[in-house]
Protein backbone atom coordinates (compact mmCIF):
# COMPACT_ATOMS: atom_id res chain seq x y z
CA MET A 1 91.97 125.02 87.22
CA ILE A 2 95.27 125.89 88.52
CA THR A 3 98.38 123.85 87.00
CA ILE A 4 101.34 123.29 89.44
CA PRO A 5 104.71 122.80 87.82
CA GLU A 6 106.29 119.40 88.06
CA LYS A 7 109.16 120.52 89.99
CA MET A 8 106.93 122.23 92.67
CA LYS A 9 104.86 118.96 93.00
CA LYS A 10 107.93 117.07 93.77
CA ILE A 11 108.95 119.70 96.47
CA LEU A 12 105.38 119.73 98.11
CA ILE A 13 105.33 115.92 98.17
CA ILE A 14 108.82 115.66 99.86
CA LEU A 15 107.73 118.42 102.40
CA THR A 16 104.40 116.65 103.11
CA LEU A 17 106.37 113.29 103.69
CA VAL A 18 108.89 115.02 105.79
CA PHE A 19 106.11 116.70 108.02
CA ILE A 20 104.16 113.58 108.46
CA SER A 21 107.20 111.51 109.34
CA SER A 22 108.50 114.08 111.96
CA VAL A 23 104.93 114.21 113.52
CA ALA A 24 104.85 110.33 113.57
CA LEU A 25 108.30 110.09 115.16
CA ALA A 26 107.42 112.71 117.68
CA SER A 27 104.31 110.77 118.45
CA VAL A 28 106.31 107.52 118.96
CA GLY A 29 108.73 109.37 121.24
CA ILE A 30 105.95 110.69 123.30
CA ALA A 31 104.14 107.41 123.53
CA PHE A 32 107.47 105.49 124.39
CA THR A 33 108.29 108.01 127.09
CA GLY A 34 104.95 107.57 128.45
CA GLY A 35 105.59 103.93 129.04
CA VAL A 36 103.66 102.30 126.02
CA ARG A 37 105.49 99.26 124.63
CA GLY A 38 104.73 96.76 122.06
CA ILE A 39 101.91 96.81 119.60
CA GLY A 40 100.31 99.56 121.62
CA LEU A 41 103.11 101.94 120.72
CA LEU A 42 102.11 101.57 117.00
CA GLY A 43 98.40 102.29 117.78
CA ILE A 44 98.99 105.17 120.14
CA SER A 45 101.49 106.66 117.59
CA PHE A 46 99.02 106.49 114.69
CA PHE A 47 96.39 108.03 117.07
CA LEU A 48 98.67 110.94 117.96
CA THR A 49 100.00 111.31 114.43
CA PHE A 50 96.61 111.69 112.76
CA GLY A 51 95.06 113.67 115.69
CA VAL A 52 97.88 116.32 115.28
CA ILE A 53 97.52 116.36 111.62
CA LEU A 54 93.70 116.78 111.82
CA VAL A 55 93.94 119.49 114.54
CA LEU A 56 96.59 121.43 112.31
CA GLY A 57 94.16 120.87 109.31
CA GLN A 58 91.45 122.77 111.24
CA LEU A 59 93.69 125.39 112.95
CA ILE A 60 95.55 126.64 109.90
CA PRO A 61 92.46 127.64 107.76
CA ALA A 62 90.80 128.93 111.09
CA GLY A 63 93.98 131.17 111.70
CA ILE A 64 93.71 132.46 108.12
CA LEU A 65 90.20 133.40 108.61
CA VAL A 66 90.79 135.12 111.86
CA SER A 67 93.58 137.16 110.43
CA ILE A 68 91.65 138.13 107.44
CA VAL A 69 88.86 139.25 109.89
CA ILE A 70 91.09 141.25 111.98
CA GLY A 71 92.85 142.84 109.07
CA THR A 72 89.59 143.96 107.44
CA SER A 73 88.15 145.31 110.60
CA PHE A 74 91.26 147.56 111.28
CA SER A 75 92.05 148.79 107.76
CA SER A 76 89.97 149.92 104.92
CA PHE A 77 90.06 149.21 101.27
CA ARG A 78 89.48 152.64 100.12
CA LYS A 79 91.84 155.51 101.08
CA THR A 80 88.97 157.85 101.81
CA GLU A 81 87.25 155.46 104.27
CA VAL A 82 88.03 155.70 107.97
CA PRO A 83 88.60 152.32 109.77
CA ILE A 84 86.79 151.26 112.85
CA GLN A 85 88.25 153.08 116.04
CA THR A 86 89.93 150.66 118.36
CA THR A 87 89.92 152.85 121.41
């Protein structure tokens, strides 16, 4: 099990809260600009906020996996191996 120092936990919590609040404020701004008023503004902002967070939660690991696949296909782990030709 990995133990995270207490100072780093506080920094990660602050960064998470700042990220979520900035996405929420941007969602409220988009909904308000689109003409949504009243209680619908709250619902739309929650929908947009959690939609963006869910999409990013899927895109970030997918991007990491794609970059790993691309990196391993064009480079080799051993110095004597020849990587796949790209031409």
